[in-house]
Protein backbone atom coordinates (compact mmCIF):
# COMPACT_ATOMS: atom_id res chain seq x y z
CA UNK A 1 122.67 81.13 122.67
CA UNK A 2 119.27 82.55 121.92
CA UNK A 3 120.44 85.99 122.19
CA UNK A 4 123.02 85.23 119.19
CA UNK A 5 120.43 83.95 117.13
CA UNK A 6 117.75 86.52 117.77
CA UNK A 7 119.51 89.84 116.46
CA UNK A 8 120.54 88.29 112.85
CA UNK A 9 116.84 87.12 112.52
CA UNK A 10 115.12 90.42 113.57
CA UNK A 11 117.72 92.37 111.25
CA UNK A 12 116.94 90.10 108.70
CA UNK A 13 112.97 90.13 109.09
CA UNK A 14 113.62 93.97 109.04
CA UNK A 15 115.37 93.91 105.69
CA UNK A 16 112.70 91.88 104.12
CA UNK A 17 110.01 94.34 105.45
CA UNK A 18 111.78 97.08 103.65
CA UNK A 19 112.31 95.41 100.31
CA UNK A 20 108.96 94.11 100.39
CA UNK A 21 107.61 97.93 101.29
CA UNK A 22 109.90 99.24 98.45
CA UNK A 23 108.79 96.69 95.85
CA UNK A 24 104.85 97.62 97.15
CA UNK A 25 105.75 101.33 96.57
CA UNK A 26 107.46 101.40 93.32
CA UNK A 27 105.66 98.34 91.84
CA UNK A 28 108.84 96.56 91.29
CA UNK A 29 109.99 95.12 87.76
CA UNK A 30 106.62 94.47 86.29
CA UNK A 31 105.65 98.08 86.78
CA UNK A 32 108.84 99.27 85.35
CA UNK A 33 108.27 97.19 82.28
CA UNK A 34 104.80 98.57 81.80
CA UNK A 35 105.87 101.99 82.21
CA UNK A 36 108.71 101.49 79.58
CA UNK A 37 105.79 100.20 77.08
CA UNK A 38 103.62 103.23 77.67
CA UNK A 39 106.76 105.60 76.87
CA UNK A 40 107.17 103.85 73.75
CA UNK A 41 103.46 104.46 73.04
CA UNK A 42 103.50 108.20 73.66
CA UNK A 43 106.80 108.07 71.57
CA UNK A 44 104.48 106.21 68.72
CA UNK A 45 101.92 108.79 69.01
CA UNK A 46 104.09 111.56 68.78
CA UNK A 47 105.43 110.25 65.52
CA UNK A 48 102.03 109.70 64.09
CA UNK A 49 100.74 113.35 64.70
CA UNK A 50 104.03 114.35 62.69
CA UNK A 51 103.17 112.07 60.14
CA UNK A 52 99.16 113.36 60.06
CA UNK A 53 100.46 117.09 60.07
CA UNK A 54 102.83 116.00 57.06
CA UNK A 55 99.92 114.62 55.15
CA UNK A 56 97.52 117.51 56.35
CA UNK A 57 100.19 119.81 54.53
CA UNK A 58 100.29 117.85 51.36
CA UNK A 59 96.51 117.32 51.12
CA UNK A 60 95.34 120.54 53.12
CA UNK A 61 93.51 118.50 55.55
CA UNK A 62 93.26 115.59 58.03
CA UNK A 63 93.23 112.31 56.55
CA UNK A 64 90.21 110.39 56.88
CA UNK A 65 91.98 107.33 57.95
CA UNK A 66 95.98 106.91 58.29
CA UNK A 67 97.60 105.02 55.71
CA UNK A 68 101.39 105.22 54.77
CA UNK A 69 102.29 108.43 52.29
CA UNK A 70 105.53 107.85 50.52
CA UNK A 71 106.46 111.85 50.73
CA UNK A 72 105.98 111.70 54.30
CA UNK A 73 107.58 108.46 55.35
CA UNK A 74 106.34 104.64 54.86
CA UNK A 75 107.65 103.42 58.06
CA UNK A 76 105.15 104.93 60.50
CA UNK A 77 103.96 102.93 63.72
CA UNK A 78 100.41 102.30 63.36
CA UNK A 79 100.37 99.24 65.21
CA UNK A 80 101.29 99.36 69.12
CA UNK A 81 104.48 96.91 68.83
CA UNK A 82 103.33 95.31 72.56
CA UNK A 83 99.78 94.25 71.53
CA UNK A 84 99.68 94.68 67.86
CA UNK A 85 96.67 96.61 68.08
CA UNK A 86 96.04 99.52 65.72
CA UNK A 87 96.44 103.03 67.69
CA UNK A 88 93.37 104.70 67.08
CA UNK A 89 92.60 107.94 65.30
CA UNK A 90 89.72 110.29 64.69
CA UNK A 91 89.13 112.99 62.49
CA UNK A 92 87.72 115.80 64.49
CA UNK A 93 87.48 118.47 61.38
CA UNK A 94 89.70 119.13 58.61
CA UNK A 95 92.35 121.03 61.14
CA UNK A 96 91.96 118.93 64.14
CA UNK A 97 92.23 114.91 64.93
CA UNK A 98 92.54 112.51 67.92
CA UNK A 99 95.01 109.84 68.49
CA UNK A 100 94.64 107.09 70.96
CA UNK A 101 96.44 104.50 72.70
CA UNK A 102 95.59 101.95 75.33
CA UNK A 103 98.14 102.66 78.28
CA UNK A 104 98.66 99.94 80.77
CA UNK A 105 99.49 102.50 83.34
CA UNK A 106 97.80 106.10 82.80
CA UNK A 107 98.45 106.92 86.21
CA UNK A 108 102.12 106.71 85.76
CA UNK A 109 102.24 108.55 82.14
CA UNK A 110 103.61 111.61 82.56
CA UNK A 111 101.28 114.82 81.67
CA UNK A 112 102.40 115.28 77.90
CA UNK A 113 101.82 118.88 76.53
CA UNK A 114 103.05 119.62 73.23
CA UNK A 115 102.62 122.74 71.29
CA UNK A 116 99.44 121.91 69.39
CA UNK A 117 97.42 119.44 71.69
CA UNK A 118 98.25 117.62 74.97
CA UNK A 119 97.40 114.08 76.74
CA UNK A 120 94.18 113.09 78.38
CA UNK A 121 95.56 110.34 80.48
CA UNK A 122 92.07 109.02 81.63
CA UNK A 123 91.18 108.28 77.84
CA UNK A 124 94.81 107.63 76.38
CA UNK A 125 93.99 110.40 73.45
CA UNK A 126 95.98 113.36 72.23
CA UNK A 127 93.82 115.92 70.73
CA UNK A 128 96.00 117.49 68.10
CA UNK A 129 95.28 120.68 65.94
CA UNK A 130 97.23 121.47 62.75
CA UNK A 131 100.13 123.49 62.87
């Protein structure tokens, strides 16, 4: 009788341990949701960099601050949709700027290299040069 109950218990324990190990390695659903929000933030920074390039083409320099401009689109993601915090913007020169976001899992944010700039995962900032 004991032998009949021991095998299912051992197998059940191994299955539970495998599930726990899988969640520990992958981070589980919470980590996946954070990674999805971070991908959304990256997309927002990409859209904002396109917007800033458009404004700079119109005005011949990087703007001092982010504000809607009819000719470049007024529906820009100036705020993080999750936290409602403003994305950080800094004009570095007439030809360069920095856009930053607060990433939840910067260690999981893929390297984001684009033609005119790149993402520094540690700071959450993209430094861009005008095209």
